[in-house]
């Protein structure tokens, strides 16, 4: 069995959710949901999140 970490995105028209999972345990944990307009993320929010020292990298 592999020990990969997987990041997934759930694209919606108003928000985009993110989650991270561990293949070895078969579990996933939600991360931050980013606002979107017509399915397009607000890239400034994502950039600010990454600069704030958050553990979410896109």
PDB file of N, CA and C in Angstrom:
ATOM      1  N   UNK A   1       0.847  -1.187   0.000  1.00  0.00           N
ATOM      2  CA  UNK A   1       0.000   0.000   0.000  1.00  0.00           C
ATOM      3  C   UNK A   1       0.888   1.245   0.000  1.00  0.00           C
ATOM      4  N   UNK A   2       0.481   2.213  -0.755  1.00  0.00           N
ATOM      5  CA  UNK A   2       1.236   3.456  -0.884  1.00  0.00           C
ATOM      6  C   UNK A   2       0.955   4.389   0.291  1.00  0.00           C
ATOM      7  N   UNK A   3       1.881   5.279   0.559  1.00  0.00           N
ATOM      8  CA  UNK A   3       1.734   6.243   1.640  1.00  0.00           C
ATOM      9  C   UNK A   3       1.704   7.656   1.062  1.00  0.00           C
ATOM     10  N   UNK A   4       0.832   7.872   0.108  1.00  0.00           N
ATOM     11  CA  UNK A   4       0.740   9.193  -0.523  1.00  0.00           C
ATOM     12  C   UNK A   4      -0.233  10.092   0.229  1.00  0.00           C
ATOM     13  N   UNK A   5       0.021  11.392   0.145  1.00  0.00           N
ATOM     14  CA  UNK A   5      -0.893  12.411   0.639  1.00  0.00           C
ATOM     15  C   UNK A   5      -1.542  13.039  -0.582  1.00  0.00           C
ATOM     16  N   UNK A   6      -2.860  13.165  -0.545  1.00  0.00           N
ATOM     17  CA  UNK A   6      -3.614  13.641  -1.701  1.00  0.00           C
ATOM     18  C   UNK A   6      -4.404  14.884  -1.315  1.00  0.00           C
ATOM     19  N   UNK A   7      -4.349  15.905  -2.161  1.00  0.00           N
ATOM     20  CA  UNK A   7      -5.145  17.111  -1.963  1.00  0.00           C
ATOM     21  C   UNK A   7      -6.228  17.129  -3.025  1.00  0.00           C
ATOM     22  N   UNK A   8      -7.456  17.408  -2.598  1.00  0.00           N
ATOM     23  CA  UNK A   8      -8.587  17.397  -3.517  1.00  0.00           C
ATOM     24  C   UNK A   8      -9.357  18.709  -3.413  1.00  0.00           C
ATOM     25  N   UNK A   9     -10.039  19.040  -4.506  1.00  0.00           N
ATOM     26  CA  UNK A   9     -10.846  20.256  -4.563  1.00  0.00           C
ATOM     27  C   UNK A   9     -12.258  19.913  -4.984  1.00  0.00           C
ATOM     28  N   UNK A  10     -13.223  20.600  -4.396  1.00  0.00           N
ATOM     29  CA  UNK A  10     -14.634  20.444  -4.736  1.00  0.00           C
ATOM     30  C   UNK A  10     -15.098  21.780  -5.296  1.00  0.00           C
ATOM     31  N   UNK A  11     -15.204  21.856  -6.617  1.00  0.00           N
ATOM     32  CA  UNK A  11     -15.532  23.112  -7.289  1.00  0.00           C
ATOM     33  C   UNK A  11     -17.036  23.332  -7.321  1.00  0.00           C
ATOM     34  N   UNK A  12     -17.456  24.475  -6.795  1.00  0.00           N
ATOM     35  CA  UNK A  12     -18.846  24.884  -6.852  1.00  0.00           C
ATOM     36  C   UNK A  12     -18.931  26.273  -7.454  1.00  0.00           C
ATOM     37  N   UNK A  13     -20.140  26.750  -7.685  1.00  0.00           N
ATOM     38  CA  UNK A  13     -20.288  28.075  -8.290  1.00  0.00           C
ATOM     39  C   UNK A  13     -20.054  29.196  -7.288  1.00  0.00           C
ATOM     40  N   UNK A  14     -20.281  28.933  -5.985  1.00  0.00           N
ATOM     41  CA  UNK A  14     -20.115  29.975  -4.968  1.00  0.00           C
ATOM     42  C   UNK A  14     -18.907  29.763  -4.066  1.00  0.00           C
ATOM     43  N   UNK A  15     -18.436  28.539  -3.977  1.00  0.00           N
ATOM     44  CA  UNK A  15     -17.249  28.277  -3.162  1.00  0.00           C
ATOM     45  C   UNK A  15     -16.515  27.052  -3.693  1.00  0.00           C
ATOM     46  N   UNK A  16     -15.245  26.972  -3.326  1.00  0.00           N
ATOM     47  CA  UNK A  16     -14.398  25.851  -3.706  1.00  0.00           C
ATOM     48  C   UNK A  16     -13.810  25.290  -2.419  1.00  0.00           C
ATOM     49  N   UNK A  17     -14.186  24.063  -2.110  1.00  0.00           N
ATOM     50  CA  UNK A  17     -13.688  23.418  -0.910  1.00  0.00           C
ATOM     51  C   UNK A  17     -12.394  22.685  -1.188  1.00  0.00           C
ATOM     52  N   UNK A  18     -11.606  22.507  -0.153  1.00  0.00           N
ATOM     53  CA  UNK A  18     -10.362  21.757  -0.300  1.00  0.00           C
ATOM     54  C   UNK A  18     -10.256  20.767   0.858  1.00  0.00           C
ATOM     55  N   UNK A  19      -9.597  19.655   0.581  1.00  0.00           N
ATOM     56  CA  UNK A  19      -9.400  18.622   1.597  1.00  0.00           C
ATOM     57  C   UNK A  19      -8.070  17.935   1.338  1.00  0.00           C
ATOM     58  N   UNK A  20      -7.555  17.315   2.378  1.00  0.00           N
ATOM     59  CA  UNK A  20      -6.309  16.561   2.249  1.00  0.00           C
ATOM     60  C   UNK A  20      -6.548  15.167   2.815  1.00  0.00           C
ATOM     61  N   UNK A  21      -6.028  14.169   2.119  1.00  0.00           N
ATOM     62  CA  UNK A  21      -6.251  12.796   2.535  1.00  0.00           C
ATOM     63  C   UNK A  21      -4.964  12.003   2.610  1.00  0.00           C
ATOM     64  N   UNK A  22      -5.006  10.956   3.401  1.00  0.00           N
ATOM     65  CA  UNK A  22      -3.878  10.038   3.551  1.00  0.00           C
ATOM     66  C   UNK A  22      -4.283   8.700   2.950  1.00  0.00           C
ATOM     67  N   UNK A  23      -3.556   8.267   1.947  1.00  0.00           N
ATOM     68  CA  UNK A  23      -3.893   7.016   1.279  1.00  0.00           C
ATOM     69  C   UNK A  23      -3.728   5.810   2.206  1.00  0.00           C
ATOM     70  N   UNK A  24      -2.720   5.837   3.058  1.00  0.00           N
ATOM     71  CA  UNK A  24      -2.444   4.693   3.921  1.00  0.00           C
ATOM     72  C   UNK A  24      -3.579   4.440   4.920  1.00  0.00           C
ATOM     73  N   UNK A  25      -4.239   5.503   5.408  1.00  0.00           N
ATOM     74  CA  UNK A  25      -5.337   5.332   6.363  1.00  0.00           C
ATOM     75  C   UNK A  25      -6.702   5.380   5.702  1.00  0.00           C
ATOM     76  N   UNK A  26      -6.766   5.866   4.462  1.00  0.00           N
ATOM     77  CA  UNK A  26      -8.047   5.979   3.767  1.00  0.00           C
ATOM     78  C   UNK A  26      -8.932   7.060   4.354  1.00  0.00           C
ATOM     79  N   UNK A  27      -8.323   8.071   4.968  1.00  0.00           N
ATOM     80  CA  UNK A  27      -9.096   9.147   5.580  1.00  0.00           C
ATOM     81  C   UNK A  27      -8.773  10.480   4.917  1.00  0.00           C
ATOM     82  N   UNK A  28      -9.710  11.405   5.058  1.00  0.00           N
ATOM     83  CA  UNK A  28      -9.523  12.759   4.530  1.00  0.00           C
ATOM     84  C   UNK A  28     -10.030  13.758   5.553  1.00  0.00           C
ATOM     85  N   UNK A  29      -9.450  14.949   5.528  1.00  0.00           N
ATOM     86  CA  UNK A  29      -9.859  16.028   6.428  1.00  0.00           C
ATOM     87  C   UNK A  29     -10.119  17.280   5.612  1.00  0.00           C
ATOM     88  N   UNK A  30     -11.214  17.975   5.929  1.00  0.00           N
ATOM     89  CA  UNK A  30     -11.496  19.208   5.192  1.00  0.00           C
ATOM     90  C   UNK A  30     -10.490  20.289   5.543  1.00  0.00           C
ATOM     91  N   UNK A  31     -10.209  21.127   4.573  1.00  0.00           N
ATOM     92  CA  UNK A  31      -9.377  22.307   4.784  1.00  0.00           C
ATOM     93  C   UNK A  31     -10.278  23.522   4.608  1.00  0.00           C
ATOM     94  N   UNK A  32      -9.761  24.566   4.076  1.00  0.00           N
ATOM     95  CA  UNK A  32     -10.498  25.810   3.906  1.00  0.00           C
ATOM     96  C   UNK A  32     -11.382  25.780   2.659  1.00  0.00           C
ATOM     97  N   UNK A  33     -12.511  26.466   2.749  1.00  0.00           N
ATOM     98  CA  UNK A  33     -13.352  26.704   1.574  1.00  0.00           C
ATOM     99  C   UNK A  33     -13.097  28.134   1.107  1.00  0.00           C
ATOM    100  N   UNK A  34     -12.836  28.283  -0.176  1.00  0.00           N
ATOM    101  CA  UNK A  34     -12.566  29.592  -0.756  1.00  0.00           C
ATOM    102  C   UNK A  34     -13.785  30.075  -1.521  1.00  0.00           C
ATOM    103  N   UNK A  35     -14.088  31.359  -1.397  1.00  0.00           N
ATOM    104  CA  UNK A  35     -15.212  31.924  -2.136  1.00  0.00           C
ATOM    105  C   UNK A  35     -14.912  31.924  -3.627  1.00  0.00           C
ATOM    106  N   UNK A  36     -15.980  31.760  -4.405  1.00  0.00           N
ATOM    107  CA  UNK A  36     -15.852  31.770  -5.859  1.00  0.00           C
ATOM    108  C   UNK A  36     -17.041  32.521  -6.445  1.00  0.00           C
ATOM    109  N   UNK A  37     -16.871  33.000  -7.648  1.00  0.00           N
ATOM    110  CA  UNK A  37     -17.961  33.646  -8.374  1.00  0.00           C
ATOM    111  C   UNK A  37     -18.092  32.923  -9.702  1.00  0.00           C
ATOM    112  N   UNK A  38     -19.227  32.282  -9.901  1.00  0.00           N
ATOM    113  CA  UNK A  38     -19.468  31.472 -11.103  1.00  0.00           C
ATOM    114  C   UNK A  38     -18.386  30.414 -11.290  1.00  0.00           C
ATOM    115  N   UNK A  39     -17.925  29.828 -10.186  1.00  0.00           N
ATOM    116  CA  UNK A  39     -16.930  28.764 -10.239  1.00  0.00           C
ATOM    117  C   UNK A  39     -15.494  29.231 -10.340  1.00  0.00           C
ATOM    118  N   UNK A  40     -15.270  30.538 -10.356  1.00  0.00           N
ATOM    119  CA  UNK A  40     -13.914  31.084 -10.466  1.00  0.00           C
ATOM    120  C   UNK A  40     -13.475  31.551  -9.079  1.00  0.00           C
ATOM    121  N   UNK A  41     -12.363  31.006  -8.565  1.00  0.00           N
ATOM    122  CA  UNK A  41     -11.934  31.390  -7.217  1.00  0.00           C
ATOM    123  C   UNK A  41     -11.426  32.821  -7.164  1.00  0.00           C
ATOM    124  N   UNK A  42     -11.494  33.394  -5.976  1.00  0.00           N
ATOM    125  CA  UNK A  42     -10.892  34.697  -5.732  1.00  0.00           C
ATOM    126  C   UNK A  42      -9.412  34.437  -5.438  1.00  0.00           C
ATOM    127  N   UNK A  43      -8.583  34.588  -6.450  1.00  0.00           N
ATOM    128  CA  UNK A  43      -7.165  34.258  -6.321  1.00  0.00           C
ATOM    129  C   UNK A  43      -6.466  35.111  -5.269  1.00  0.00           C
ATOM    130  N   UNK A  44      -6.942  36.320  -5.022  1.00  0.00           N
ATOM    131  CA  UNK A  44      -6.339  37.163  -3.980  1.00  0.00           C
ATOM    132  C   UNK A  44      -6.518  36.536  -2.601  1.00  0.00           C
ATOM    133  N   UNK A  45      -7.699  35.966  -2.331  1.00  0.00           N
ATOM    134  CA  UNK A  45      -7.929  35.292  -1.049  1.00  0.00           C
ATOM    135  C   UNK A  45      -7.000  34.097  -0.891  1.00  0.00           C
ATOM    136  N   UNK A  46      -6.823  33.346  -1.957  1.00  0.00           N
ATOM    137  CA  UNK A  46      -5.952  32.174  -1.906  1.00  0.00           C
ATOM    138  C   UNK A  46      -4.508  32.601  -1.678  1.00  0.00           C
ATOM    139  N   UNK A  47      -4.089  33.655  -2.356  1.00  0.00           N
ATOM    140  CA  UNK A  47      -2.722  34.149  -2.182  1.00  0.00           C
ATOM    141  C   UNK A  47      -2.502  34.650  -0.759  1.00  0.00           C
ATOM    142  N   UNK A  48      -3.452  35.410  -0.213  1.00  0.00           N
ATOM    143  CA  UNK A  48      -3.323  35.906   1.157  1.00  0.00           C
ATOM    144  C   UNK A  48      -3.271  34.752   2.139  1.00  0.00           C
ATOM    145  N   UNK A  49      -4.053  33.716   1.897  1.00  0.00           N
ATOM    146  CA  UNK A  49      -4.056  32.548   2.772  1.00  0.00           C
ATOM    147  C   UNK A  49      -2.680  31.881   2.788  1.00  0.00           C
ATOM    148  N   UNK A  50      -2.053  31.774   1.630  1.00  0.00           N
ATOM    149  CA  UNK A  50      -0.742  31.123   1.578  1.00  0.00           C
ATOM    150  C   UNK A  50       0.338  31.990   2.221  1.00  0.00           C
ATOM    151  N   UNK A  51       0.191  33.303   2.162  1.00  0.00           N
ATOM    152  CA  UNK A  51       1.184  34.196   2.762  1.00  0.00           C
ATOM    153  C   UNK A  51       1.022  34.324   4.273  1.00  0.00           C
ATOM    154  N   UNK A  52      -0.142  33.928   4.794  1.00  0.00           N
ATOM    155  CA  UNK A  52      -0.399  34.077   6.226  1.00  0.00           C
ATOM    156  C   UNK A  52       0.230  32.966   7.056  1.00  0.00           C
ATOM    157  N   UNK A  53       0.950  32.054   6.397  1.00  0.00           N
ATOM    158  CA  UNK A  53       1.570  30.957   7.130  1.00  0.00           C
ATOM    159  C   UNK A  53       0.667  29.754   7.265  1.00  0.00           C
ATOM    160  N   UNK A  54      -0.428  29.749   6.554  1.00  0.00           N
ATOM    161  CA  UNK A  54      -1.345  28.621   6.606  1.00  0.00           C
ATOM    162  C   UNK A  54      -0.679  27.366   6.053  1.00  0.00           C
ATOM    163  N   UNK A  55      -1.179  26.232   6.448  1.00  0.00           N
ATOM    164  CA  UNK A  55      -0.663  24.957   5.969  1.00  0.00           C
ATOM    165  C   UNK A  55      -1.279  24.549   4.633  1.00  0.00           C
ATOM    166  N   UNK A  56      -2.061  25.409   4.011  1.00  0.00           N
ATOM    167  CA  UNK A  56      -2.694  25.092   2.730  1.00  0.00           C
ATOM    168  C   UNK A  56      -1.856  25.689   1.618  1.00  0.00           C
ATOM    169  N   UNK A  57      -1.397  24.862   0.712  1.00  0.00           N
ATOM    170  CA  UNK A  57      -0.611  25.327  -0.433  1.00  0.00           C
ATOM    171  C   UNK A  57      -1.322  24.957  -1.702  1.00  0.00           C
ATOM    172  N   UNK A  58      -1.520  25.925  -2.559  1.00  0.00           N
ATOM    173  CA  UNK A  58      -2.193  25.666  -3.840  1.00  0.00           C
ATOM    174  C   UNK A  58      -1.257  25.951  -4.972  1.00  0.00           C
TER     175      UNK A  58
END
